[in-house]
């Protein structure tokens, strides 16, 4: 993640691409090779477990089941077009735990009211959890996964707010700054999910006040999946566990500084301990 997010001189001066002066391409080959070995090991282990009829009933099992032909050995050609690279690249997940205990408790109470104490979170329940949705919106406003959206290119000279953008200029949209604009948001650096309650502003690209996934034809194609999964995972984590910070750290003392990579990351990783409710 850090290598992908590094400023690469060869991106701006194509003459250096073959030379790879910063060694980024060479490093990425090594890292991807290591990742492939890990993923292949997981896939091979799962294939061997078929013989003992041990099934996990997860996404990987579902993908592998689709590749089974004629009840013989496993084949990746049928569904994935040649090899298992497509299997190992098919899934991604993400989640956050709120540093504000009062917001955490309010979201948990909402979950208990909707699901009961022992209910299991289903995707269909998310529409009944407006405060949880507000927590996700506020998190994406303050901490967009991609602080700079994918580069855009001006197809013609255009004037925006008194500035002329020449044709063929590369344009980077700062979604991080948009979400913290004091002209749009009251107390923009504070985590206040309540600001979205009763508001029609959403994060799906229709409201330019907060566009963590971009907007228009070049917005993130994974937005529908990410939007569903983040809500589902956060609801499951809050409903199933209580959480405490490691080493007695107080929520107000958490280091929320960030560092830039291909996605926005906490400079100091969060270490939280789940406690079964």
Protein backbone atom coordinates (compact mmCIF):
# COMPACT_ATOMS: atom_id res chain seq x y z
CA UNK A 1 0.00 0.00 0.00
CA UNK A 2 2.83 2.39 0.82
CA UNK A 3 4.70 1.68 -2.41
CA UNK A 4 1.60 2.15 -4.56
CA UNK A 5 0.93 5.49 -2.89
CA UNK A 6 4.47 6.84 -3.25
CA UNK A 7 5.14 9.71 -5.63
CA UNK A 8 6.69 8.09 -8.69
CA UNK A 9 8.80 10.35 -10.91
CA UNK A 10 8.26 7.97 -13.83
CA UNK A 11 4.52 8.80 -13.80
CA UNK A 12 5.32 12.41 -14.67
CA UNK A 13 8.38 11.83 -16.87
CA UNK A 14 7.65 8.72 -19.00
CA UNK A 15 11.26 8.65 -20.25
CA UNK A 16 12.22 7.23 -16.82
CA UNK A 17 9.74 4.33 -16.86
CA UNK A 18 12.21 1.75 -18.14
CA UNK A 19 14.90 2.96 -15.74
CA UNK A 20 12.59 2.84 -12.68
CA UNK A 21 14.90 5.29 -10.80
CA UNK A 22 13.13 4.91 -7.44
CA UNK A 23 12.86 1.12 -7.65
CA UNK A 24 9.09 1.22 -7.12
CA UNK A 25 8.29 -1.18 -9.95
CA UNK A 26 10.92 -3.66 -8.76
CA UNK A 27 9.64 -3.50 -5.19
CA UNK A 28 6.05 -4.01 -6.31
CA UNK A 29 6.99 -7.17 -8.20
CA UNK A 30 8.52 -8.60 -5.03
CA UNK A 31 5.52 -7.68 -2.86
CA UNK A 32 2.97 -9.03 -5.31
CA UNK A 33 4.92 -12.27 -5.59
CA UNK A 34 4.80 -12.67 -1.79
CA UNK A 35 1.07 -11.92 -1.74
CA UNK A 36 0.44 -14.44 -4.51
CA UNK A 37 2.26 -17.13 -2.52
CA UNK A 38 0.03 -16.41 0.49
CA UNK A 39 -3.17 -16.42 -1.56
CA UNK A 40 -2.19 -19.59 -3.45
CA UNK A 41 -1.48 -21.28 -0.12
CA UNK A 42 -4.97 -20.39 1.14
CA UNK A 43 -6.59 -21.62 -2.06
CA UNK A 44 -4.58 -24.86 -2.09
CA UNK A 45 -5.45 -25.50 1.56
CA UNK A 46 -9.13 -25.00 0.80
CA UNK A 47 -8.92 -27.38 -2.16
CA UNK A 48 -7.36 -30.06 0.05
CA UNK A 49 -10.10 -29.65 2.64
CA UNK A 50 -12.64 -30.73 -0.02
CA UNK A 51 -11.41 -34.29 0.35
CA UNK A 52 -12.30 -34.29 4.05
CA UNK A 53 -15.69 -32.66 3.37
CA UNK A 54 -14.76 -29.64 5.49
CA UNK A 55 -16.57 -26.58 4.10
CA UNK A 56 -16.40 -23.02 5.38
CA UNK A 57 -19.39 -21.81 3.35
CA UNK A 58 -17.72 -18.49 2.63
CA UNK A 59 -17.05 -16.45 -0.52
CA UNK A 60 -13.97 -18.48 -1.46
CA UNK A 61 -15.94 -21.73 -1.21
CA UNK A 62 -18.65 -20.22 -3.41
CA UNK A 63 -16.13 -19.17 -6.07
CA UNK A 64 -14.38 -22.53 -6.02
CA UNK A 65 -17.69 -24.39 -6.27
CA UNK A 66 -18.38 -22.52 -9.50
CA UNK A 67 -15.18 -23.89 -10.99
CA UNK A 68 -15.92 -27.55 -10.38
CA UNK A 69 -16.44 -29.50 -13.60
CA UNK A 70 -17.90 -32.98 -13.99
CA UNK A 71 -17.20 -33.81 -10.29
CA UNK A 72 -13.55 -34.28 -11.18
CA UNK A 73 -10.52 -32.24 -10.16
CA UNK A 74 -10.88 -28.51 -9.66
CA UNK A 75 -10.61 -26.35 -12.75
CA UNK A 76 -10.21 -22.58 -12.80
CA UNK A 77 -10.68 -22.20 -16.54
CA UNK A 78 -14.45 -22.58 -16.64
CA UNK A 79 -15.39 -19.48 -14.66
CA UNK A 80 -12.20 -17.49 -14.18
CA UNK A 81 -10.78 -17.53 -17.69
CA UNK A 82 -7.57 -19.50 -17.30
CA UNK A 83 -6.14 -19.59 -13.78
CA UNK A 84 -6.75 -18.81 -10.16
CA UNK A 85 -5.43 -15.25 -10.31
CA UNK A 86 -9.02 -14.15 -10.80
CA UNK A 87 -10.12 -16.03 -7.68
CA UNK A 88 -7.54 -14.43 -5.42
CA UNK A 89 -8.36 -10.94 -6.69
CA UNK A 90 -12.10 -11.18 -6.16
CA UNK A 91 -12.67 -9.90 -2.61
CA UNK A 92 -11.95 -6.89 -0.43
CA UNK A 93 -13.32 -5.62 2.89
CA UNK A 94 -12.93 -2.59 5.09
CA UNK A 95 -14.20 -1.41 8.49
CA UNK A 96 -13.75 1.24 11.18
CA UNK A 97 -14.38 1.49 14.92
CA UNK A 98 -15.47 4.88 16.19
CA UNK A 99 -13.24 6.63 18.74
CA UNK A 100 -16.26 8.37 20.31
CA UNK A 101 -17.81 6.13 23.04
CA UNK A 102 -21.09 8.09 23.07
CA UNK A 103 -21.55 7.51 19.31
CA UNK A 104 -20.59 3.85 19.72
CA UNK A 105 -23.21 3.43 22.46
CA UNK A 106 -25.91 5.25 20.53
CA UNK A 107 -25.35 3.07 17.47
CA UNK A 108 -25.43 -0.07 19.64
CA UNK A 109 -28.71 0.95 21.28
CA UNK A 110 -30.23 1.49 17.85
CA UNK A 111 -29.11 -2.01 16.82
CA UNK A 112 -30.64 -3.56 19.93
CA UNK A 113 -33.93 -1.76 19.35
CA UNK A 114 -34.13 -3.03 15.77
CA UNK A 115 -32.63 -6.52 16.15
CA UNK A 116 -33.04 -7.39 19.79
CA UNK A 117 -30.16 -8.62 21.92
CA UNK A 118 -29.52 -11.86 20.05
CA UNK A 119 -30.56 -10.89 16.52
CA UNK A 120 -28.22 -11.40 13.59
CA UNK A 121 -27.56 -8.40 11.34
CA UNK A 122 -28.91 -8.83 7.83
CA UNK A 123 -28.38 -6.53 4.86
CA UNK A 124 -32.12 -5.78 4.82
CA UNK A 125 -31.81 -4.30 8.35
CA UNK A 126 -29.52 -1.45 7.32
CA UNK A 127 -32.38 0.74 6.06
CA UNK A 128 -33.83 0.62 9.58
CA UNK A 129 -30.63 1.98 11.15
CA UNK A 130 -30.48 5.70 10.31
CA UNK A 131 -27.97 6.57 13.03
CA UNK A 132 -25.57 3.84 11.89
CA UNK A 133 -25.86 5.24 8.37
CA UNK A 134 -25.03 8.70 9.73
CA UNK A 135 -21.94 7.29 11.48
CA UNK A 136 -20.71 5.82 8.17
CA UNK A 137 -21.36 9.08 6.30
CA UNK A 138 -19.51 11.12 8.92
CA UNK A 139 -16.58 8.68 8.86
CA UNK A 140 -16.34 8.90 5.07
CA UNK A 141 -16.59 12.69 5.23
CA UNK A 142 -13.65 12.99 7.63
CA UNK A 143 -11.62 10.01 6.40
CA UNK A 144 -12.32 9.30 2.71
CA UNK A 145 -10.49 6.10 1.66
CA UNK A 146 -9.07 7.89 -1.39
CA UNK A 147 -8.31 11.49 -0.36
CA UNK A 148 -7.39 12.36 -3.94
CA UNK A 149 -9.84 10.89 -6.41
CA UNK A 150 -8.70 9.23 -9.62
CA UNK A 151 -7.01 11.76 -11.92
CA UNK A 152 -9.25 13.49 -14.45
CA UNK A 153 -8.27 15.11 -17.74
CA UNK A 154 -9.76 18.30 -19.18
CA UNK A 155 -11.07 17.60 -22.68
CA UNK A 156 -11.20 21.31 -23.52
CA UNK A 157 -10.22 24.67 -22.04
CA UNK A 158 -12.65 25.39 -19.21
CA UNK A 159 -13.08 28.19 -16.69
CA UNK A 160 -14.01 27.25 -13.11
CA UNK A 161 -14.48 29.89 -10.42
CA UNK A 162 -12.32 32.36 -12.33
CA UNK A 163 -9.52 29.86 -13.02
CA UNK A 164 -8.75 28.58 -16.50
CA UNK A 165 -7.99 24.86 -16.76
CA UNK A 166 -6.17 24.26 -20.07
CA UNK A 167 -7.10 21.41 -22.35
CA UNK A 168 -5.38 18.08 -21.53
CA UNK A 169 -4.54 19.21 -17.98
CA UNK A 170 -4.51 16.49 -15.35
CA UNK A 171 -6.93 17.39 -12.57
CA UNK A 172 -6.81 15.92 -9.06
CA UNK A 173 -9.93 16.32 -6.89
CA UNK A 174 -9.19 16.70 -3.18
CA UNK A 175 -12.11 14.83 -1.60
CA UNK A 176 -10.47 15.14 1.83
CA UNK A 177 -10.53 18.96 1.67
CA UNK A 178 -14.08 19.02 0.29
CA UNK A 179 -15.33 17.02 3.26
CA UNK A 180 -13.68 19.45 5.69
CA UNK A 181 -14.59 22.71 3.95
CA UNK A 182 -15.62 25.22 6.69
CA UNK A 183 -17.80 27.04 4.15
CA UNK A 184 -19.94 23.91 3.87
CA UNK A 185 -19.66 22.20 7.24
CA UNK A 186 -20.11 23.59 10.74
CA UNK A 187 -17.22 22.57 13.00
CA UNK A 188 -15.79 20.53 10.10
CA UNK A 189 -13.04 18.68 12.02
CA UNK A 190 -15.40 17.28 14.68
CA UNK A 191 -16.96 13.82 14.42
CA UNK A 192 -20.69 14.59 14.60
CA UNK A 193 -22.89 11.93 12.94
CA UNK A 194 -25.97 13.88 14.00
CA UNK A 195 -25.24 16.42 11.26
CA UNK A 196 -26.57 13.88 8.73
CA UNK A 197 -29.75 13.05 10.61
CA UNK A 198 -32.73 14.55 8.80
CA UNK A 199 -30.42 15.50 5.91
CA UNK A 200 -30.75 14.15 2.37
CA UNK A 201 -27.00 14.47 1.73
CA UNK A 202 -25.52 11.10 0.80
CA UNK A 203 -22.09 9.75 -0.20
CA UNK A 204 -23.13 8.16 -3.50
CA UNK A 205 -21.87 10.92 -5.79
CA UNK A 206 -25.02 13.03 -6.11
CA UNK A 207 -24.08 15.55 -3.41
CA UNK A 208 -20.82 17.37 -4.02
CA UNK A 209 -20.40 18.32 -0.34
CA UNK A 210 -19.05 14.83 0.33
CA UNK A 211 -17.82 12.60 -2.52
CA UNK A 212 -15.57 9.85 -1.08
CA UNK A 213 -16.32 7.62 -4.09
CA UNK A 214 -16.16 10.39 -6.70
CA UNK A 215 -19.03 11.35 -8.96
CA UNK A 216 -20.25 10.96 -12.51
CA UNK A 217 -18.96 8.48 -15.06
CA UNK A 218 -15.59 8.05 -13.35
CA UNK A 219 -16.80 7.40 -9.83
CA UNK A 220 -15.65 4.25 -8.04
CA UNK A 221 -17.27 1.19 -9.68
CA UNK A 222 -17.06 -0.66 -6.36
CA UNK A 223 -19.18 1.91 -4.53
CA UNK A 224 -22.41 -0.17 -4.35
CA UNK A 225 -20.55 -3.15 -2.86
CA UNK A 226 -18.48 -1.02 -0.49
CA UNK A 227 -21.55 0.89 0.68
CA UNK A 228 -23.36 -2.34 1.55
CA UNK A 229 -20.41 -4.10 3.14
CA UNK A 230 -19.19 -1.23 5.33
CA UNK A 231 -22.64 -0.84 6.89
CA UNK A 232 -23.06 -4.60 7.33
CA UNK A 233 -19.64 -5.15 8.88
CA UNK A 234 -19.83 -2.15 11.21
CA UNK A 235 -23.30 -3.18 12.38
CA UNK A 236 -22.11 -6.76 12.99
CA UNK A 237 -19.03 -5.62 14.93
CA UNK A 238 -21.00 -3.25 17.15
CA UNK A 239 -23.88 -5.65 17.75
CA UNK A 240 -21.73 -8.68 18.54
CA UNK A 241 -18.99 -7.13 20.67
CA UNK A 242 -18.16 -4.38 23.06
CA UNK A 243 -14.75 -2.84 22.40
CA UNK A 244 -11.92 -1.51 24.52
CA UNK A 245 -8.63 0.05 23.49
CA UNK A 246 -5.38 -1.76 24.16
CA UNK A 247 -3.21 -0.91 27.17
CA UNK A 248 -5.90 1.19 28.85
CA UNK A 249 -5.73 3.92 26.23
CA UNK A 250 -8.56 6.45 26.51
CA UNK A 251 -10.60 7.22 23.37
CA UNK A 252 -9.85 10.94 23.64
CA UNK A 253 -6.11 10.15 23.61
CA UNK A 254 -6.20 8.16 20.38
CA UNK A 255 -3.78 9.31 17.69
CA UNK A 256 -5.99 10.04 14.67
CA UNK A 257 -3.20 11.38 12.46
CA UNK A 258 -3.11 9.92 8.97
CA UNK A 259 -0.61 9.03 6.29
CA UNK A 260 -1.15 8.91 2.57
CA UNK A 261 -0.87 5.78 0.46
CA UNK A 262 -3.09 4.47 -2.30
CA UNK A 263 -5.73 4.84 0.41
CA UNK A 264 -5.82 7.01 3.52
CA UNK A 265 -4.39 5.15 6.52
CA UNK A 266 -3.99 5.83 10.22
CA UNK A 267 -0.38 6.69 10.91
CA UNK A 268 -0.59 4.55 14.05
CA UNK A 269 -2.73 1.42 13.56
CA UNK A 270 -5.78 1.04 15.78
CA UNK A 271 -5.55 -1.84 18.26
CA UNK A 272 -8.90 -2.65 19.82
CA UNK A 273 -9.93 -5.69 21.85
CA UNK A 274 -13.38 -7.25 21.23
CA UNK A 275 -15.40 -8.34 24.26
CA UNK A 276 -18.28 -10.72 23.67
CA UNK A 277 -21.51 -9.17 24.88
